[in-house]
């Protein structure tokens, strides 16, 4: 039965944890990139 039914249906909490971790990592990366861009713009205008 486990081979037929996808893991997402058997363990939805694992999917939720994975999606949360992925989105958290994406937000961290976006924030770091934004801070770098703002810092570069500030150094150009100074």
Protein backbone atom coordinates (compact mmCIF):
# COMPACT_ATOMS: atom_id res chain seq x y z
CA UNK A 1 0.00 0.00 0.00
CA UNK A 2 2.82 2.42 0.82
CA UNK A 3 4.27 1.95 -2.65
CA UNK A 4 1.00 2.90 -4.29
CA UNK A 5 0.01 5.90 -2.14
CA UNK A 6 2.34 8.91 -2.33
CA UNK A 7 4.20 9.83 0.84
CA UNK A 8 2.48 13.23 0.87
CA UNK A 9 -0.85 11.54 1.57
CA UNK A 10 0.54 9.32 4.30
CA UNK A 11 2.63 11.98 6.07
CA UNK A 12 1.33 15.46 5.29
CA UNK A 13 3.15 16.89 8.32
CA UNK A 14 6.47 16.06 6.66
CA UNK A 15 5.42 17.93 3.54
CA UNK A 16 4.39 20.93 5.63
CA UNK A 17 7.72 20.91 7.48
CA UNK A 18 9.64 20.70 4.23
CA UNK A 19 7.66 23.52 2.64
CA UNK A 20 8.13 25.70 5.73
CA UNK A 21 11.88 25.08 5.75
CA UNK A 22 12.12 25.83 2.04
CA UNK A 23 10.15 29.08 2.32
CA UNK A 24 12.16 30.12 5.38
CA UNK A 25 15.40 29.57 3.49
CA UNK A 26 14.02 31.57 0.54
CA UNK A 27 13.09 34.47 2.81
CA UNK A 28 16.54 34.48 4.39
CA UNK A 29 18.21 34.47 0.99
CA UNK A 30 15.96 37.27 -0.29
CA UNK A 31 16.63 39.37 2.79
CA UNK A 32 20.39 38.90 2.45
CA UNK A 33 20.23 39.84 -1.22
CA UNK A 34 18.13 42.93 -0.47
CA UNK A 35 20.55 44.07 2.23
CA UNK A 36 23.47 43.62 -0.18
CA UNK A 37 21.73 45.63 -2.90
CA UNK A 38 20.81 48.43 -0.48
CA UNK A 39 24.36 48.50 0.84
CA UNK A 40 25.74 48.73 -2.69
CA UNK A 41 23.38 51.57 -3.58
CA UNK A 42 24.32 53.46 -0.41
CA UNK A 43 28.03 53.09 -1.15
CA UNK A 44 27.50 54.45 -4.68
CA UNK A 45 25.58 57.50 -3.50
CA UNK A 46 27.95 58.30 -0.63
